[in-house]
Amino acid sequence: MKLTSLLAASIVAVITTACNSEPEPNTLTRKEAKEGFVLLFDGSGTEGWRGYNKDHFPARWIIDEGTLHCQSSGRGEAGGLDGGDILYDRKFSNFHLKLEWKIAEGGNSGIFYLGREDTAFHAIHWTAPEMQVLDNAKHPDAKLGKDGNRQAGALYDLIPADPQNFAGAGEWNQVEIIHMDGHVIHRQNGEQVLEYQIGSERWKELVAESKFPAINPDFADVPGEGYIALQDHGDDVWYRNIKIKELE
């Protein structure tokens, strides 16, 4: 083969590889930047994040190879030295949130939105809707609740994810949460898995039948804006590619 032909083949290979390669973690694609997405986590620092009901960032959450990693408490529940849920210290109203998560075998965590801070509650799950993060195969919560409404991608204890397409423990899962004037969509690994309307009769019935009113009678009264947060449930979990677009 002539040198010119080898060079041409090499250029084609480089271009093909570049086009087919995954974008770097914690960056925006050109399309996302043009659409107005911004990063909430750059992979190297915790700027903008703090603990729920805290003025600092909990020590058990660390930056680990470009991820926000909540280290296991070794107790199966949140606890121990300076752990707890973390939130982005700004309230959002209408938004399109994207992120990726990976859970350890048997692990449990969650993604919260429209959350409220209230010193009456030690954790944000009593004040906010939650997209469940779970190892469906090994964590017992997967078999509790109703019809799988505590499995990965679910609106926790309220609506199951359908289809149930959790990638498995130790694997990255891509999720999206869209909120517009009380209308909410959960997407997981490229598929829409649920949709609901906050404040509807169905919403009120679901909440009334859940575990939440026993602790927070006002749980159904979700505000039009609130915090985005990540849960410390005592298990190893990793988050990255956290980005958001505000909707008008």
Foldseek 3Di string as FASTA:
>chain_A
DDPVVVVVVVVVVVVVCVVPDDDDWQDDDPVCVVQFKDGCFRLPDNPQKDAQVDPHHFPQFDRDRSWGKRAFPVPQFDDDGRDWKMWRNDKAFFKKKKKKKAFAAQDWKWKWFLWDRDPLDRHGVLATFTQIDGQCVHHPCCVDAPPRQRPGRHRHSFGHFPPPPDPHHPDMKIWMWGDDQQWIWIDIRHGTGDIDGQPDPSLVVRVVPGPNCVRPVCNSVRDSMHIIMMGPGRGIMIMTRIMMGHDD
